[in-house]
C-alpha atoms as a PDB file:
ATOM      1  CA  MET A   1     -11.226  66.536   6.956  1.00  0.00           C
ATOM      2  CA  LYS A   2      -7.931  64.766   7.263  1.00  0.00           C
ATOM      3  CA  GLU A   3      -6.728  62.975   9.982  1.00  0.00           C
ATOM      4  CA  ASP A   4      -4.528  64.106  12.003  1.00  0.00           C
ATOM      5  CA  TYR A   5      -0.947  62.766  11.089  1.00  0.00           C
ATOM      6  CA  TYR A   6       0.176  62.186  14.326  1.00  0.00           C
ATOM      7  CA  GLU A   7      -2.729  60.241  15.850  1.00  0.00           C
ATOM      8  CA  LEU A   8      -2.664  58.104  11.857  1.00  0.00           C
ATOM      9  CA  LEU A   9       1.104  56.705  12.899  1.00  0.00           C
ATOM     10  CA  GLY A  10       0.044  56.745  17.041  1.00  0.00           C
ATOM     11  CA  VAL A  11       2.418  58.894  18.120  1.00  0.00           C
ATOM     12  CA  ASN A  12       2.907  61.858  20.277  1.00  0.00           C
ATOM     13  CA  LYS A  13       3.507  64.963  18.983  1.00  0.00           C
ATOM     14  CA  ASN A  14       6.533  65.052  21.140  1.00  0.00           C
ATOM     15  CA  ALA A  15       7.823  62.385  19.141  1.00  0.00           C
ATOM     16  CA  THR A  16      11.376  61.476  18.237  1.00  0.00           C
ATOM     17  CA  ASP A  17      12.297  60.918  14.645  1.00  0.00           C
ATOM     18  CA  ASP A  18      13.157  57.550  14.886  1.00  0.00           C
ATOM     19  CA  GLU A  19       9.638  56.767  17.520  1.00  0.00           C
ATOM     20  CA  ILE A  20       8.138  58.182  14.070  1.00  0.00           C
ATOM     21  CA  LYS A  21      10.100  56.219  11.329  1.00  0.00           C
ATOM     22  CA  SER A  22       9.818  52.823  13.971  1.00  0.00           C
ATOM     23  CA  ALA A  23       5.714  53.550  14.072  1.00  0.00           C
ATOM     24  CA  PHE A  24       5.658  54.128  10.027  1.00  0.00           C
ATOM     25  CA  ARG A  25       7.567  50.412   9.316  1.00  0.00           C
ATOM     26  CA  LYS A  26       5.428  49.189  11.902  1.00  0.00           C
ATOM     27  CA  LEU A  27       2.040  50.242  10.437  1.00  0.00           C
ATOM     28  CA  ALA A  28       3.757  50.331   6.930  1.00  0.00           C
ATOM     29  CA  LYS A  29       3.969  46.786   7.417  1.00  0.00           C
ATOM     30  CA  GLN A  30       0.752  45.743   8.654  1.00  0.00           C
ATOM     31  CA  TYR A  31      -1.146  47.317   5.911  1.00  0.00           C
ATOM     32  CA  HIS A  32       1.020  47.195   3.001  1.00  0.00           C
ATOM     33  CA  PRO A  33      -1.740  45.921  -0.167  1.00  0.00           C
ATOM     34  CA  ASP A  34       1.043  43.035  -1.117  1.00  0.00           C
ATOM     35  CA  LEU A  35       0.979  41.939   3.252  1.00  0.00           C
ATOM     36  CA  HIS A  36      -2.749  42.243   3.944  1.00  0.00           C
ATOM     37  CA  THR A  37      -4.124  39.788   3.223  1.00  0.00           C
ATOM     38  CA  GLY A  38      -7.826  41.547   4.326  1.00  0.00           C
ATOM     39  CA  ASP A  39      -9.723  44.282   1.854  1.00  0.00           C
ATOM     40  CA  LYS A  40      -6.898  45.097  -0.485  1.00  0.00           C
ATOM     41  CA  GLU A  41      -8.279  48.835  -1.690  1.00  0.00           C
ATOM     42  CA  GLU A  42      -8.949  49.700   2.480  1.00  0.00           C
ATOM     43  CA  ALA A  43      -5.260  48.686   2.900  1.00  0.00           C
ATOM     44  CA  GLU A  44      -3.933  50.534  -0.031  1.00  0.00           C
ATOM     45  CA  ALA A  45      -5.742  53.603   1.011  1.00  0.00           C
ATOM     46  CA  LYS A  46      -4.400  53.611   4.786  1.00  0.00           C
ATOM     47  CA  PHE A  47      -1.182  52.487   3.131  1.00  0.00           C
ATOM     48  CA  LYS A  48      -1.227  55.907   1.167  1.00  0.00           C
ATOM     49  CA  LYS A  49      -2.751  58.039   4.224  1.00  0.00           C
ATOM     50  CA  ILE A  50       0.644  56.591   6.230  1.00  0.00           C
ATOM     51  CA  ASN A  51       3.222  57.679   3.658  1.00  0.00           C
ATOM     52  CA  GLU A  52       1.599  60.652   3.282  1.00  0.00           C
ATOM     53  CA  ALA A  53       1.954  61.236   7.588  1.00  0.00           C
ATOM     54  CA  TYR A  54       5.675  60.237   7.510  1.00  0.00           C
ATOM     55  CA  GLU A  55       6.543  62.216   4.682  1.00  0.00           C
ATOM     56  CA  VAL A  56       5.212  65.135   6.213  1.00  0.00           C
ATOM     57  CA  LEU A  57       6.127  64.285   9.854  1.00  0.00           C
ATOM     58  CA  SER A  58       9.991  63.095   8.707  1.00  0.00           C
ATOM     59  CA  ASP A  59      11.089  66.236   7.218  1.00  0.00           C
ATOM     60  CA  LYS A  60      11.570  69.021  10.193  1.00  0.00           C
ATOM     61  CA  GLU A  61      10.602  71.878   7.748  1.00  0.00           C
ATOM     62  CA  LYS A  62       7.243  70.134   6.671  1.00  0.00           C
ATOM     63  CA  ARG A  63       6.709  69.076  10.002  1.00  0.00           C
ATOM     64  CA  ALA A  64       7.305  72.829  11.755  1.00  0.00           C
ATOM     65  CA  LYS A  65       4.653  73.959   8.582  1.00  0.00           C
ATOM     66  CA  TYR A  66       2.538  71.117   9.946  1.00  0.00           C
ATOM     67  CA  ASP A  67       2.148  72.193  13.687  1.00  0.00           C
ATOM     68  CA  GLN A  68       2.016  75.511  12.799  1.00  0.00           C
ATOM     69  CA  PHE A  69      -0.662  75.725  10.200  1.00  0.00           C
ATOM     70  CA  GLY A  70      -2.036  71.938  10.479  1.00  0.00           C
ATOM     71  CA  HIS A  71      -2.972  70.406   7.045  1.00  0.00           C
ATOM     72  CA  ALA A  72      -3.601  73.814   5.877  1.00  0.00           C
ATOM     73  CA  ALA A  73       0.314  74.051   4.779  1.00  0.00           C
ATOM     74  CA  PHE A  74       0.000  72.073   2.672  1.00  0.00           C
ATOM     75  CA  ASP A  75      -3.562  72.695   0.612  1.00  0.00           C
ATOM     76  CA  PRO A  76      -2.547  75.286  -2.207  1.00  0.00           C
ATOM     77  CA  CYS A  77      -5.707  77.497  -2.039  1.00  0.00           C
ATOM     78  CA  ARG A  78      -5.565  77.496   1.576  1.00  0.00           C
ATOM     79  CA  ARG A  79      -2.103  78.216   1.654  1.00  0.00           C
ATOM     80  CA  ARG A  80      -2.679  81.335   0.057  1.00  0.00           C
ATOM     81  CA  ARG A  81      -5.663  82.471   2.373  1.00  0.00           C
ATOM     82  CA  ILE A  82      -2.888  82.352   5.224  1.00  0.00           C
ATOM     83  CA  ARG A  83      -0.829  84.476   2.981  1.00  0.00           C
ATOM     84  CA  GLN A  84      -3.573  86.711   2.746  1.00  0.00           C
ATOM     85  CA  LEU A  85      -4.414  86.965   5.965  1.00  0.00           C
ATOM     86  CA  PHE A  86      -0.771  87.089   7.581  1.00  0.00           C
ATOM     87  CA  ARG A  87       0.190  90.432   4.651  1.00  0.00           C
ATOM     88  CA  SER A  88      -3.032  91.878   6.431  1.00  0.00           C
ATOM     89  CA  ARG A  89      -2.324  91.387  10.136  1.00  0.00           C
ATOM     90  CA  LEU A  90       1.701  92.685   8.776  1.00  0.00           C
ATOM     91  CA  TRP A  91      -0.773  95.684   7.077  1.00  0.00           C
ATOM     92  CA  ARG A  92      -2.497  96.941  10.038  1.00  0.00           C
ATOM     93  CA  PHE A  93       0.449  96.634  12.430  1.00  0.00           C
ATOM     94  CA  PHE A  94       2.976  98.626  10.736  1.00  0.00           C
ATOM     95  CA  GLY A  95       0.352 100.375   8.570  1.00  0.00           C
ATOM     96  CA  TYR A  96       1.836 102.967   6.184  1.00  0.00           C
ATOM     97  CA  ILE A  97       5.492 102.971   6.524  1.00  0.00           C
END
């Protein structure tokens, strides 16, 4: 299971864009594979996760989707299932028109 993007960057869900950017830069510098003195492979994996989190949380649309659906918003299989659930609920609500 994937880590929560907010926890990964060490910010709360109400964080501003500047707070997210600052947290990203701090962690990116800390875990950059070229600058990390420890295990390079572990640092690279963490660096990729941090980049993925920042890519989602720095974009207002992606962040809104993430806040509503979590990681499922970006998983094609889960997105399809969410769409199916949404349609079935609409169908039940409105019925035949």
